[in-house]
């Protein structure tokens, strides 16, 4: 059941309400209102874009 919040909505990270600063890790699900996003880091210790010569 959804309860209206007068124009405000809570942000969720992996299904839990965000009430403080948290680290977002690759493949984390971020829900903003009715929209869910999946975070994917484009660079990390495991992956980096190769140098490209133009």
C-alpha atoms as a PDB file:
ATOM      1  CA  UNK A   1       0.000   0.000   0.000  1.00  0.00           C
ATOM      2  CA  UNK A   2       1.353   3.414  -0.957  1.00  0.00           C
ATOM      3  CA  UNK A   3       0.878   6.422   1.275  1.00  0.00           C
ATOM      4  CA  UNK A   4       1.054   9.875  -0.375  1.00  0.00           C
ATOM      5  CA  UNK A   5       3.733  12.120   1.129  1.00  0.00           C
ATOM      6  CA  UNK A   6       2.660  15.546  -0.184  1.00  0.00           C
ATOM      7  CA  UNK A   7       5.179  15.774  -3.030  1.00  0.00           C
ATOM      8  CA  UNK A   8       8.143  14.274  -1.220  1.00  0.00           C
ATOM      9  CA  UNK A   9       9.415  10.746  -1.494  1.00  0.00           C
ATOM     10  CA  UNK A  10      12.128   8.781   0.193  1.00  0.00           C
ATOM     11  CA  UNK A  11      15.224   7.537  -1.584  1.00  0.00           C
ATOM     12  CA  UNK A  12      15.976   3.825  -1.278  1.00  0.00           C
ATOM     13  CA  UNK A  13      19.292   2.044  -1.790  1.00  0.00           C
ATOM     14  CA  UNK A  14      18.947  -1.697  -2.360  1.00  0.00           C
ATOM     15  CA  UNK A  15      15.457  -1.637  -0.863  1.00  0.00           C
ATOM     16  CA  UNK A  16      16.405   0.280   2.300  1.00  0.00           C
ATOM     17  CA  UNK A  17      15.524   3.892   3.072  1.00  0.00           C
ATOM     18  CA  UNK A  18      18.526   6.219   2.876  1.00  0.00           C
ATOM     19  CA  UNK A  19      18.731   8.345   6.026  1.00  0.00           C
ATOM     20  CA  UNK A  20      22.482   9.115   5.973  1.00  0.00           C
ATOM     21  CA  UNK A  21      25.420   9.267   3.569  1.00  0.00           C
ATOM     22  CA  UNK A  22      26.144   5.815   2.145  1.00  0.00           C
ATOM     23  CA  UNK A  23      28.660   4.387  -0.301  1.00  0.00           C
ATOM     24  CA  UNK A  24      27.106   3.292  -3.575  1.00  0.00           C
ATOM     25  CA  UNK A  25      28.722   0.192  -5.035  1.00  0.00           C
ATOM     26  CA  UNK A  26      28.444  -1.140  -8.607  1.00  0.00           C
ATOM     27  CA  UNK A  27      25.096  -2.789  -9.414  1.00  0.00           C
ATOM     28  CA  UNK A  28      23.381  -1.052  -6.471  1.00  0.00           C
ATOM     29  CA  UNK A  29      19.700  -0.263  -7.020  1.00  0.00           C
ATOM     30  CA  UNK A  30      18.663   3.311  -6.288  1.00  0.00           C
ATOM     31  CA  UNK A  31      14.956   4.074  -6.123  1.00  0.00           C
ATOM     32  CA  UNK A  32      13.891   7.700  -6.540  1.00  0.00           C
ATOM     33  CA  UNK A  33      10.139   7.973  -6.296  1.00  0.00           C
ATOM     34  CA  UNK A  34       8.670   5.357  -8.620  1.00  0.00           C
ATOM     35  CA  UNK A  35      11.833   5.039 -10.720  1.00  0.00           C
ATOM     36  CA  UNK A  36      14.558   2.492 -10.002  1.00  0.00           C
ATOM     37  CA  UNK A  37      18.084   2.949 -11.345  1.00  0.00           C
ATOM     38  CA  UNK A  38      20.996   0.527 -11.283  1.00  0.00           C
ATOM     39  CA  UNK A  39      24.392   2.126 -10.602  1.00  0.00           C
ATOM     40  CA  UNK A  40      27.226   0.918 -12.805  1.00  0.00           C
ATOM     41  CA  UNK A  41      30.679   2.404 -12.302  1.00  0.00           C
ATOM     42  CA  UNK A  42      32.454   3.051 -15.591  1.00  0.00           C
ATOM     43  CA  UNK A  43      35.871   2.989 -13.932  1.00  0.00           C
ATOM     44  CA  UNK A  44      37.090   1.056 -10.905  1.00  0.00           C
ATOM     45  CA  UNK A  45      40.053  -0.956  -9.687  1.00  0.00           C
ATOM     46  CA  UNK A  46      38.728  -3.869 -11.731  1.00  0.00           C
ATOM     47  CA  UNK A  47      37.888  -1.918 -14.885  1.00  0.00           C
ATOM     48  CA  UNK A  48      39.202   1.164 -16.662  1.00  0.00           C
ATOM     49  CA  UNK A  49      38.709   2.509 -20.164  1.00  0.00           C
ATOM     50  CA  UNK A  50      41.751   1.788 -22.344  1.00  0.00           C
ATOM     51  CA  UNK A  51      43.735   4.700 -23.695  1.00  0.00           C
ATOM     52  CA  UNK A  52      42.492   5.611 -27.135  1.00  0.00           C
ATOM     53  CA  UNK A  53      44.699   7.314 -29.711  1.00  0.00           C
ATOM     54  CA  UNK A  54      42.785   9.755 -31.888  1.00  0.00           C
END
